[in-house]
N, C-alpha and C. Protein backbone atom coordinates (compact mmCIF):
# COMPACT_ATOMS: atom_id res chain seq x y z
N UNK A 1 0.85 -1.18 0.00
CA UNK A 1 0.00 0.00 0.00
C UNK A 1 0.89 1.24 0.00
N UNK A 2 0.65 2.13 -0.95
CA UNK A 2 1.43 3.36 -1.06
C UNK A 2 0.61 4.51 -0.49
N UNK A 3 1.23 5.28 0.38
CA UNK A 3 0.56 6.44 0.95
C UNK A 3 0.51 7.54 -0.11
N UNK A 4 -0.67 7.85 -0.61
CA UNK A 4 -0.82 8.83 -1.67
C UNK A 4 -0.94 10.24 -1.12
N UNK A 5 -1.56 10.39 0.04
CA UNK A 5 -1.82 11.71 0.57
C UNK A 5 -1.45 11.76 2.04
N UNK A 6 -0.71 12.80 2.40
CA UNK A 6 -0.36 12.98 3.81
C UNK A 6 -1.47 13.78 4.50
N UNK A 7 -2.11 14.70 3.74
CA UNK A 7 -3.15 15.55 4.34
C UNK A 7 -3.95 16.22 3.22
N UNK A 8 -5.09 16.76 3.61
CA UNK A 8 -5.89 17.53 2.66
C UNK A 8 -5.22 18.87 2.38
N UNK A 9 -4.69 19.49 3.43
CA UNK A 9 -4.10 20.83 3.33
C UNK A 9 -2.66 20.79 3.80
N UNK A 10 -1.76 21.27 2.97
CA UNK A 10 -0.36 21.40 3.34
C UNK A 10 -0.06 22.86 3.63
N UNK A 11 0.40 23.14 4.82
CA UNK A 11 0.68 24.50 5.27
C UNK A 11 2.13 24.83 4.93
N UNK A 12 2.32 25.80 4.03
CA UNK A 12 3.63 26.13 3.49
C UNK A 12 3.99 27.56 3.88
N UNK A 13 5.22 27.78 4.28
CA UNK A 13 5.65 29.14 4.58
C UNK A 13 7.07 29.18 5.10
N UNK A 14 7.58 30.39 5.23
CA UNK A 14 8.91 30.58 5.78
C UNK A 14 8.92 30.27 7.27
N UNK A 15 10.09 29.99 7.83
CA UNK A 15 10.17 29.84 9.28
C UNK A 15 9.62 31.10 9.98
N UNK A 16 8.93 30.91 11.05
CA UNK A 16 8.35 31.98 11.88
C UNK A 16 7.22 32.76 11.21
N UNK A 17 6.61 32.19 10.17
CA UNK A 17 5.45 32.84 9.55
C UNK A 17 4.19 32.62 10.38
N UNK A 18 4.22 31.61 11.26
CA UNK A 18 3.08 31.31 12.11
C UNK A 18 2.40 30.00 11.79
N UNK A 19 3.08 29.11 11.07
CA UNK A 19 2.47 27.84 10.67
C UNK A 19 2.05 27.00 11.86
N UNK A 20 2.94 26.84 12.82
CA UNK A 20 2.61 26.03 14.00
C UNK A 20 1.54 26.69 14.85
N UNK A 21 1.58 28.01 14.93
CA UNK A 21 0.54 28.74 15.67
C UNK A 21 -0.82 28.53 15.01
N UNK A 22 -0.85 28.60 13.69
CA UNK A 22 -2.11 28.39 12.97
C UNK A 22 -2.61 26.96 13.16
N UNK A 23 -1.70 26.00 13.09
CA UNK A 23 -2.08 24.60 13.31
C UNK A 23 -2.71 24.43 14.69
N UNK A 24 -2.10 25.06 15.68
CA UNK A 24 -2.64 24.97 17.03
C UNK A 24 -3.99 25.64 17.19
N UNK A 25 -4.24 26.70 16.41
CA UNK A 25 -5.52 27.43 16.50
C UNK A 25 -6.64 26.70 15.75
N UNK A 26 -6.31 26.02 14.65
CA UNK A 26 -7.35 25.38 13.83
C UNK A 26 -7.63 23.93 14.22
N UNK A 27 -6.69 23.30 14.92
CA UNK A 27 -6.81 21.87 15.21
C UNK A 27 -6.54 21.62 16.70
N UNK A 28 -6.67 20.37 17.10
CA UNK A 28 -6.34 19.98 18.46
C UNK A 28 -4.85 19.64 18.62
N UNK A 29 -4.12 19.68 17.50
CA UNK A 29 -2.67 19.40 17.56
C UNK A 29 -1.99 20.50 18.37
N UNK A 30 -0.92 20.17 19.00
CA UNK A 30 -0.17 21.14 19.79
C UNK A 30 1.30 21.13 19.38
N UNK A 31 1.58 21.65 18.18
CA UNK A 31 2.97 21.68 17.73
C UNK A 31 3.80 22.66 18.56
N UNK A 32 5.08 22.42 18.60
CA UNK A 32 5.99 23.30 19.32
C UNK A 32 6.03 24.65 18.61
N UNK A 33 5.93 25.73 19.39
CA UNK A 33 6.07 27.07 18.85
C UNK A 33 7.14 27.79 19.65
N UNK A 34 7.95 28.58 18.94
CA UNK A 34 9.01 29.34 19.59
C UNK A 34 9.41 30.49 18.68
N UNK A 35 10.15 31.43 19.23
CA UNK A 35 10.55 32.63 18.48
C UNK A 35 11.88 32.42 17.75
N UNK A 36 12.12 31.20 17.29
CA UNK A 36 13.30 30.94 16.48
C UNK A 36 12.91 30.01 15.35
N UNK A 37 13.66 30.06 14.23
CA UNK A 37 13.29 29.26 13.07
C UNK A 37 13.46 27.76 13.29
N UNK A 38 12.74 27.00 12.48
CA UNK A 38 12.83 25.55 12.42
C UNK A 38 12.48 24.86 13.74
N UNK A 39 11.43 25.35 14.40
CA UNK A 39 10.94 24.63 15.57
C UNK A 39 10.20 23.37 15.12
N UNK A 40 9.67 23.39 13.90
CA UNK A 40 9.01 22.21 13.33
C UNK A 40 10.02 21.47 12.47
N UNK A 41 10.40 20.28 12.90
CA UNK A 41 11.40 19.50 12.17
C UNK A 41 10.77 18.36 11.36
N UNK A 42 9.52 18.03 11.68
CA UNK A 42 8.79 16.97 10.98
C UNK A 42 7.36 17.47 10.78
N UNK A 43 6.69 17.01 9.73
CA UNK A 43 5.30 17.44 9.55
C UNK A 43 4.46 17.09 10.77
N UNK A 44 3.64 18.01 11.18
CA UNK A 44 2.70 17.80 12.28
C UNK A 44 1.31 17.74 11.66
N UNK A 45 0.56 16.71 11.93
CA UNK A 45 -0.77 16.55 11.35
C UNK A 45 -1.81 16.91 12.41
N UNK A 46 -2.75 17.75 12.02
CA UNK A 46 -3.86 18.11 12.88
C UNK A 46 -5.17 17.93 12.13
N UNK A 47 -6.25 17.79 12.86
CA UNK A 47 -7.57 17.59 12.27
C UNK A 47 -8.39 18.86 12.48
N UNK A 48 -8.86 19.45 11.35
CA UNK A 48 -9.79 20.58 11.42
C UNK A 48 -11.18 19.98 11.40
N UNK A 49 -11.97 20.26 12.43
CA UNK A 49 -13.31 19.70 12.51
C UNK A 49 -14.35 20.76 12.19
N UNK A 50 -15.37 20.34 11.46
CA UNK A 50 -16.48 21.21 11.08
C UNK A 50 -17.75 20.61 11.66
N UNK A 51 -18.29 21.23 12.68
CA UNK A 51 -19.47 20.70 13.36
C UNK A 51 -20.71 21.52 13.06
N UNK A 52 -20.72 22.23 11.91
CA UNK A 52 -21.84 23.09 11.57
C UNK A 52 -23.11 22.32 11.25
N UNK A 53 -22.97 21.07 10.83
CA UNK A 53 -24.11 20.22 10.53
C UNK A 53 -24.03 19.00 11.44
N UNK A 54 -24.89 18.92 12.49
CA UNK A 54 -24.78 17.82 13.46
C UNK A 54 -25.01 16.44 12.85
N UNK A 55 -25.65 16.37 11.68
CA UNK A 55 -25.90 15.08 11.04
C UNK A 55 -24.67 14.58 10.30
N UNK A 56 -23.75 15.49 10.03
CA UNK A 56 -22.58 15.12 9.21
C UNK A 56 -21.33 15.84 9.70
N UNK A 57 -20.49 15.15 10.41
CA UNK A 57 -19.23 15.73 10.88
C UNK A 57 -18.23 15.68 9.72
N UNK A 58 -17.70 16.80 9.39
CA UNK A 58 -16.69 16.85 8.33
C UNK A 58 -15.34 17.20 8.96
N UNK A 59 -14.30 16.66 8.35
CA UNK A 59 -12.94 16.87 8.86
C UNK A 59 -11.98 17.06 7.70
N UNK A 60 -10.96 17.86 7.95
CA UNK A 60 -9.84 17.98 7.02
C UNK A 60 -8.56 17.71 7.81
N UNK A 61 -7.62 17.07 7.16
CA UNK A 61 -6.30 16.90 7.77
C UNK A 61 -5.41 18.04 7.30
N UNK A 62 -4.75 18.67 8.26
CA UNK A 62 -3.84 19.79 8.00
C UNK A 62 -2.44 19.35 8.36
N UNK A 63 -1.50 19.50 7.43
CA UNK A 63 -0.10 19.17 7.69
C UNK A 63 0.69 20.46 7.86
N UNK A 64 1.25 20.65 9.03
CA UNK A 64 2.17 21.75 9.32
C UNK A 64 3.54 21.28 8.84
N UNK A 65 3.96 21.80 7.69
CA UNK A 65 5.20 21.37 7.05
C UNK A 65 6.36 22.22 7.57
N UNK A 66 7.52 21.64 7.83
CA UNK A 66 8.66 22.45 8.28
C UNK A 66 8.92 23.64 7.36
N UNK A 67 9.40 24.72 7.93
CA UNK A 67 9.61 25.98 7.20
C UNK A 67 10.51 25.84 5.99
N UNK A 68 10.13 26.55 4.95
CA UNK A 68 10.86 26.55 3.69
C UNK A 68 11.76 27.77 3.64
N UNK A 69 12.95 27.61 3.08
CA UNK A 69 13.83 28.75 2.84
C UNK A 69 14.27 28.72 1.39
N UNK A 70 14.79 29.83 0.91
CA UNK A 70 15.33 29.86 -0.45
C UNK A 70 16.41 28.80 -0.56
N UNK A 71 16.39 28.04 -1.65
CA UNK A 71 17.36 26.98 -1.86
C UNK A 71 16.90 25.63 -1.36
N UNK A 72 15.66 25.54 -0.88
CA UNK A 72 15.16 24.25 -0.37
C UNK A 72 15.21 23.18 -1.46
N UNK A 73 14.99 23.57 -2.71
CA UNK A 73 15.03 22.59 -3.80
C UNK A 73 16.43 22.01 -3.97
N UNK A 74 17.45 22.71 -3.46
CA UNK A 74 18.83 22.21 -3.49
C UNK A 74 19.20 21.57 -2.15
N UNK A 75 18.19 21.29 -1.36
CA UNK A 75 18.31 20.63 -0.06
C UNK A 75 18.89 21.54 1.02
N UNK A 76 18.70 22.86 0.89
CA UNK A 76 19.09 23.78 1.97
C UNK A 76 17.99 23.77 3.02
N UNK A 77 18.36 24.08 4.25
CA UNK A 77 17.38 24.02 5.33
C UNK A 77 16.95 22.57 5.50
N UNK A 78 15.66 22.34 5.48
CA UNK A 78 15.16 20.97 5.55
C UNK A 78 14.91 20.41 4.16
N UNK A 79 15.11 21.26 3.14
CA UNK A 79 15.16 20.86 1.74
C UNK A 79 14.15 19.85 1.29
N UNK A 80 14.64 18.75 0.76
CA UNK A 80 13.77 17.75 0.15
C UNK A 80 12.84 17.09 1.15
N UNK A 81 13.22 17.06 2.42
CA UNK A 81 12.29 16.51 3.43
C UNK A 81 11.02 17.33 3.43
N UNK A 82 11.13 18.64 3.30
CA UNK A 82 9.97 19.53 3.23
C UNK A 82 9.19 19.29 1.95
N UNK A 83 9.87 19.38 0.83
CA UNK A 83 9.20 19.35 -0.47
C UNK A 83 8.54 18.01 -0.75
N UNK A 84 9.11 16.95 -0.29
CA UNK A 84 8.54 15.61 -0.50
C UNK A 84 7.15 15.52 0.13
N UNK A 85 6.95 16.15 1.29
CA UNK A 85 5.66 16.09 1.96
C UNK A 85 4.61 16.95 1.24
N UNK A 86 5.02 18.06 0.66
CA UNK A 86 4.10 18.94 -0.05
C UNK A 86 3.45 18.23 -1.22
N UNK A 87 4.19 17.35 -1.88
CA UNK A 87 3.66 16.62 -3.03
C UNK A 87 2.41 15.81 -2.67
N UNK A 88 2.27 15.45 -1.40
CA UNK A 88 1.20 14.55 -0.98
C UNK A 88 0.03 15.26 -0.31
N UNK A 89 -0.13 16.55 -0.58
CA UNK A 89 -1.26 17.31 -0.05
C UNK A 89 -2.15 17.76 -1.20
N UNK A 90 -3.46 17.80 -0.96
CA UNK A 90 -4.41 18.18 -2.00
C UNK A 90 -4.44 19.68 -2.27
N UNK A 91 -4.33 20.47 -1.22
CA UNK A 91 -4.42 21.93 -1.30
C UNK A 91 -3.21 22.51 -0.58
N UNK A 92 -2.61 23.52 -1.18
CA UNK A 92 -1.50 24.21 -0.53
C UNK A 92 -2.00 25.50 0.08
N UNK A 93 -1.75 25.68 1.35
CA UNK A 93 -2.08 26.93 2.05
C UNK A 93 -0.76 27.63 2.32
N UNK A 94 -0.50 28.69 1.58
CA UNK A 94 0.73 29.45 1.75
C UNK A 94 0.50 30.52 2.81
N UNK A 95 1.20 30.39 3.90
CA UNK A 95 1.06 31.33 5.01
C UNK A 95 2.15 32.39 4.86
N UNK A 96 1.71 33.64 4.69
CA UNK A 96 2.64 34.75 4.48
C UNK A 96 2.58 35.68 5.69
N UNK A 97 3.75 36.00 6.22
CA UNK A 97 3.88 36.96 7.32
C UNK A 97 3.71 38.34 6.71
N UNK A 98 2.49 38.86 6.73
CA UNK A 98 2.19 40.14 6.08
C UNK A 98 2.76 41.32 6.85
N UNK A 99 3.16 41.11 8.09
CA UNK A 99 3.77 42.19 8.88
C UNK A 99 5.20 42.47 8.44
N UNK A 100 5.80 41.53 7.70
CA UNK A 100 7.17 41.73 7.27
C UNK A 100 8.17 41.66 8.42
N UNK A 101 7.91 40.75 9.35
CA UNK A 101 8.79 40.58 10.51
C UNK A 101 10.23 40.34 10.03
N UNK A 102 11.18 40.81 10.78
CA UNK A 102 12.60 40.67 10.46
C UNK A 102 12.97 41.34 9.14
N UNK A 103 12.23 42.40 8.77
CA UNK A 103 12.54 43.15 7.55
C UNK A 103 12.23 42.42 6.26
N UNK A 104 11.43 41.38 6.33
CA UNK A 104 11.08 40.59 5.14
C UNK A 104 10.01 41.30 4.33
N UNK A 105 10.01 41.08 3.04
CA UNK A 105 8.99 41.61 2.14
C UNK A 105 8.03 40.47 1.80
N UNK A 106 6.77 40.57 2.21
CA UNK A 106 5.81 39.49 1.95
C UNK A 106 5.68 39.13 0.46
N UNK A 107 5.83 40.12 -0.40
CA UNK A 107 5.75 39.84 -1.85
C UNK A 107 6.89 38.94 -2.30
N UNK A 108 8.07 39.20 -1.77
CA UNK A 108 9.24 38.39 -2.13
C UNK A 108 9.14 37.00 -1.50
N UNK A 109 8.61 36.93 -0.29
CA UNK A 109 8.42 35.62 0.34
C UNK A 109 7.50 34.75 -0.51
N UNK A 110 6.40 35.33 -0.99
CA UNK A 110 5.46 34.58 -1.82
C UNK A 110 6.15 34.12 -3.11
N UNK A 111 6.88 35.03 -3.76
CA UNK A 111 7.58 34.68 -5.00
C UNK A 111 8.60 33.56 -4.76
N UNK A 112 9.31 33.63 -3.64
CA UNK A 112 10.31 32.62 -3.32
C UNK A 112 9.66 31.27 -3.06
N UNK A 113 8.55 31.25 -2.34
CA UNK A 113 7.84 29.99 -2.09
C UNK A 113 7.42 29.34 -3.40
N UNK A 114 6.83 30.13 -4.29
CA UNK A 114 6.41 29.58 -5.58
C UNK A 114 7.60 29.08 -6.39
N UNK A 115 8.70 29.82 -6.36
CA UNK A 115 9.89 29.42 -7.10
C UNK A 115 10.46 28.10 -6.57
N UNK A 116 10.50 27.95 -5.26
CA UNK A 116 11.02 26.71 -4.68
C UNK A 116 10.13 25.52 -5.03
N UNK A 117 8.81 25.74 -5.00
CA UNK A 117 7.90 24.67 -5.40
C UNK A 117 8.13 24.29 -6.86
N UNK A 118 8.26 25.29 -7.71
CA UNK A 118 8.46 25.06 -9.14
C UNK A 118 9.78 24.33 -9.41
N UNK A 119 10.84 24.76 -8.75
CA UNK A 119 12.14 24.13 -8.98
C UNK A 119 12.17 22.68 -8.51
N UNK A 120 11.40 22.37 -7.49
CA UNK A 120 11.33 20.98 -7.03
C UNK A 120 10.51 20.13 -7.99
N UNK A 121 9.32 20.63 -8.35
CA UNK A 121 8.43 19.90 -9.25
C UNK A 121 7.39 20.90 -9.75
N UNK A 122 7.46 21.27 -11.00
CA UNK A 122 6.55 22.29 -11.53
C UNK A 122 5.08 21.89 -11.40
N UNK A 123 4.80 20.61 -11.25
CA UNK A 123 3.41 20.16 -11.07
C UNK A 123 2.82 20.70 -9.77
N UNK A 124 3.66 21.05 -8.81
CA UNK A 124 3.16 21.60 -7.55
C UNK A 124 2.43 22.93 -7.77
N UNK A 125 2.81 23.66 -8.81
CA UNK A 125 2.15 24.94 -9.09
C UNK A 125 0.76 24.74 -9.67
N UNK A 126 0.45 23.51 -10.08
CA UNK A 126 -0.88 23.20 -10.61
C UNK A 126 -1.86 22.84 -9.49
N UNK A 127 -1.33 22.57 -8.31
CA UNK A 127 -2.21 22.23 -7.17
C UNK A 127 -3.02 23.46 -6.78
N UNK A 128 -4.23 23.24 -6.31
CA UNK A 128 -5.00 24.38 -5.78
C UNK A 128 -4.25 24.99 -4.61
N UNK A 129 -4.29 26.32 -4.53
CA UNK A 129 -3.61 26.98 -3.41
C UNK A 129 -4.38 28.21 -2.97
N UNK A 130 -4.13 28.56 -1.72
CA UNK A 130 -4.77 29.69 -1.07
C UNK A 130 -3.69 30.37 -0.24
N UNK A 131 -3.76 31.69 -0.15
CA UNK A 131 -2.81 32.43 0.68
C UNK A 131 -3.53 32.91 1.93
N UNK A 132 -2.89 32.67 3.08
CA UNK A 132 -3.36 33.24 4.34
C UNK A 132 -2.39 34.36 4.71
N UNK A 133 -2.90 35.58 4.74
CA UNK A 133 -2.10 36.75 5.11
C UNK A 133 -2.13 36.85 6.62
N UNK A 134 -1.07 36.39 7.27
CA UNK A 134 -1.02 36.33 8.73
C UNK A 134 -0.44 37.61 9.32
N UNK A 135 -0.66 37.76 10.62
CA UNK A 135 -0.16 38.88 11.44
C UNK A 135 -0.80 40.21 11.04
N UNK A 136 -2.09 40.12 10.62
CA UNK A 136 -2.81 41.33 10.23
C UNK A 136 -3.11 42.23 11.43
N UNK A 137 -2.82 41.77 12.63
CA UNK A 137 -2.98 42.59 13.83
C UNK A 137 -1.81 43.57 14.02
N UNK A 138 -0.75 43.41 13.24
CA UNK A 138 0.43 44.27 13.31
C UNK A 138 0.24 45.45 12.36
N UNK A 139 0.59 46.64 12.82
CA UNK A 139 0.33 47.87 12.07
C UNK A 139 0.89 47.84 10.64
N UNK A 140 2.08 47.34 10.43
CA UNK A 140 2.71 47.35 9.11
C UNK A 140 2.02 46.41 8.11
N UNK A 141 1.21 45.51 8.59
CA UNK A 141 0.59 44.51 7.71
C UNK A 141 -0.36 45.13 6.70
N UNK A 142 -1.10 46.16 7.06
CA UNK A 142 -2.06 46.77 6.12
C UNK A 142 -1.37 47.32 4.88
N UNK A 143 -0.29 48.08 5.09
CA UNK A 143 0.45 48.65 3.96
C UNK A 143 1.07 47.54 3.12
N UNK A 144 1.62 46.52 3.77
CA UNK A 144 2.21 45.39 3.04
C UNK A 144 1.15 44.62 2.26
N UNK A 145 -0.03 44.48 2.83
CA UNK A 145 -1.11 43.79 2.13
C UNK A 145 -1.51 44.55 0.86
N UNK A 146 -1.60 45.87 0.95
CA UNK A 146 -1.94 46.67 -0.24
C UNK A 146 -0.91 46.48 -1.34
N UNK A 147 0.37 46.47 -0.98
CA UNK A 147 1.44 46.24 -1.97
C UNK A 147 1.35 44.83 -2.55
N UNK A 148 1.06 43.86 -1.69
CA UNK A 148 0.95 42.47 -2.12
C UNK A 148 -0.18 42.33 -3.15
N UNK A 149 -1.33 42.92 -2.84
CA UNK A 149 -2.48 42.82 -3.74
C UNK A 149 -2.23 43.51 -5.08
N UNK A 150 -1.44 44.59 -5.06
CA UNK A 150 -1.11 45.25 -6.33
C UNK A 150 -0.24 44.35 -7.20
N UNK A 151 0.71 43.64 -6.58
CA UNK A 151 1.59 42.76 -7.36
C UNK A 151 0.88 41.47 -7.76
N UNK A 152 0.02 40.96 -6.88
CA UNK A 152 -0.65 39.68 -7.11
C UNK A 152 -2.17 39.85 -7.02
N UNK A 153 -2.78 40.54 -7.97
CA UNK A 153 -4.22 40.84 -7.86
C UNK A 153 -5.14 39.62 -7.97
N UNK A 154 -4.67 38.53 -8.54
CA UNK A 154 -5.54 37.37 -8.76
C UNK A 154 -5.38 36.28 -7.71
N UNK A 155 -4.53 36.49 -6.74
CA UNK A 155 -4.28 35.49 -5.71
C UNK A 155 -5.47 35.43 -4.76
N UNK A 156 -5.95 34.19 -4.51
CA UNK A 156 -7.01 34.00 -3.50
C UNK A 156 -6.36 34.16 -2.13
N UNK A 157 -6.89 35.08 -1.33
CA UNK A 157 -6.24 35.46 -0.08
C UNK A 157 -7.27 35.63 1.02
N UNK A 158 -6.91 35.17 2.22
CA UNK A 158 -7.73 35.37 3.42
C UNK A 158 -6.84 36.04 4.45
N UNK A 159 -7.33 37.13 5.04
CA UNK A 159 -6.59 37.86 6.07
C UNK A 159 -6.86 37.24 7.43
N UNK A 160 -5.77 36.96 8.17
CA UNK A 160 -5.92 36.34 9.48
C UNK A 160 -4.93 36.93 10.49
N UNK A 161 -5.17 36.61 11.73
CA UNK A 161 -4.20 36.85 12.80
C UNK A 161 -4.24 35.62 13.70
N UNK A 162 -3.14 34.89 13.73
CA UNK A 162 -3.07 33.74 14.64
C UNK A 162 -3.09 34.20 16.09
N UNK A 163 -2.59 35.41 16.34
CA UNK A 163 -2.54 35.92 17.70
C UNK A 163 -3.94 36.23 18.24
N UNK A 164 -4.74 36.97 17.46
CA UNK A 164 -6.06 37.39 17.93
C UNK A 164 -7.18 36.43 17.53
N UNK A 165 -6.94 35.61 16.51
CA UNK A 165 -7.98 34.70 16.01
C UNK A 165 -8.82 35.31 14.91
N UNK A 166 -8.60 36.59 14.59
CA UNK A 166 -9.37 37.23 13.53
C UNK A 166 -9.17 36.50 12.20
N UNK A 167 -10.27 36.27 11.49
CA UNK A 167 -10.23 35.67 10.17
C UNK A 167 -10.13 34.16 10.14
N UNK A 168 -9.95 33.52 11.28
CA UNK A 168 -9.76 32.06 11.29
C UNK A 168 -11.02 31.30 10.88
N UNK A 169 -12.18 31.81 11.27
CA UNK A 169 -13.44 31.15 10.87
C UNK A 169 -13.61 31.23 9.35
N UNK A 170 -13.29 32.37 8.79
CA UNK A 170 -13.37 32.55 7.32
C UNK A 170 -12.39 31.60 6.64
N UNK A 171 -11.18 31.51 7.18
CA UNK A 171 -10.17 30.62 6.60
C UNK A 171 -10.63 29.17 6.64
N UNK A 172 -11.18 28.73 7.77
CA UNK A 172 -11.67 27.35 7.87
C UNK A 172 -12.71 27.05 6.79
N UNK A 173 -13.65 27.98 6.61
CA UNK A 173 -14.70 27.78 5.60
C UNK A 173 -14.09 27.72 4.21
N UNK A 174 -13.13 28.58 3.93
CA UNK A 174 -12.51 28.60 2.60
C UNK A 174 -11.70 27.33 2.35
N UNK A 175 -11.02 26.83 3.36
CA UNK A 175 -10.28 25.58 3.20
C UNK A 175 -11.22 24.43 2.85
N UNK A 176 -12.34 24.33 3.57
CA UNK A 176 -13.31 23.28 3.29
C UNK A 176 -13.86 23.42 1.87
N UNK A 177 -14.20 24.63 1.50
CA UNK A 177 -14.73 24.89 0.15
C UNK A 177 -13.73 24.45 -0.93
N UNK A 178 -12.46 24.82 -0.76
CA UNK A 178 -11.44 24.49 -1.75
C UNK A 178 -11.17 22.99 -1.82
N UNK A 179 -11.08 22.34 -0.68
CA UNK A 179 -10.81 20.90 -0.67
C UNK A 179 -11.99 20.13 -1.26
N UNK A 180 -13.21 20.52 -0.91
CA UNK A 180 -14.38 19.84 -1.49
C UNK A 180 -14.46 20.04 -2.99
N UNK A 181 -14.11 21.23 -3.48
CA UNK A 181 -14.08 21.48 -4.93
C UNK A 181 -13.02 20.60 -5.59
N UNK A 182 -11.88 20.45 -4.96
CA UNK A 182 -10.82 19.59 -5.48
C UNK A 182 -11.28 18.14 -5.54
N UNK A 183 -11.92 17.67 -4.48
CA UNK A 183 -12.40 16.29 -4.45
C UNK A 183 -13.43 16.04 -5.56
N UNK A 184 -14.32 17.01 -5.79
CA UNK A 184 -15.30 16.86 -6.87
C UNK A 184 -14.62 16.78 -8.22
N UNK A 185 -13.59 17.61 -8.43
CA UNK A 185 -12.89 17.60 -9.72
C UNK A 185 -12.11 16.31 -9.94
N UNK A 186 -11.64 15.70 -8.86
CA UNK A 186 -10.90 14.43 -8.95
C UNK A 186 -11.81 13.28 -9.34
N UNK A 187 -13.09 13.37 -8.96
CA UNK A 187 -14.04 12.29 -9.27
C UNK A 187 -14.46 12.30 -10.73
N UNK A 188 -14.29 13.43 -11.39
CA UNK A 188 -14.71 13.53 -12.81
C UNK A 188 -13.76 12.82 -13.73
């Protein structure tokens, strides 16, 4: 038996973008969180539960993938260990630190993530994906979001704050919508 899918949603982003914090907020998983990079060394799987319809409990598996850095396709950072897991997710959720922590430019982070996925396997760019603009509770995030939207006007994006919880309900609904649409398209 070959494991075809690790999870419905693969959470992709730079170290310290908030992937583990988001996993902890959306699921019962309790991944390690800290203020230094690469606290996640192995994928952490959590279950997102949807109890909106008591007759039908729906669930999605979310994989918190170790942080990606430029050069991951050349096995820098956690390299191929990271990218190998991404191949086995139905939907990619790219978590972008919209506050630009550590002087980072969210637009460049997004471009780098896409480039690393492409260099590993261009088929990854064909997977459905959604962007979660995290840290929207930080003052600099609004200006960065406006710049991001100007550069990437067609990107599907949900604004969130893992710290305050703002936008997480919207994100959960959008994840379910995207995964269910993917499943329907796979059946055709």
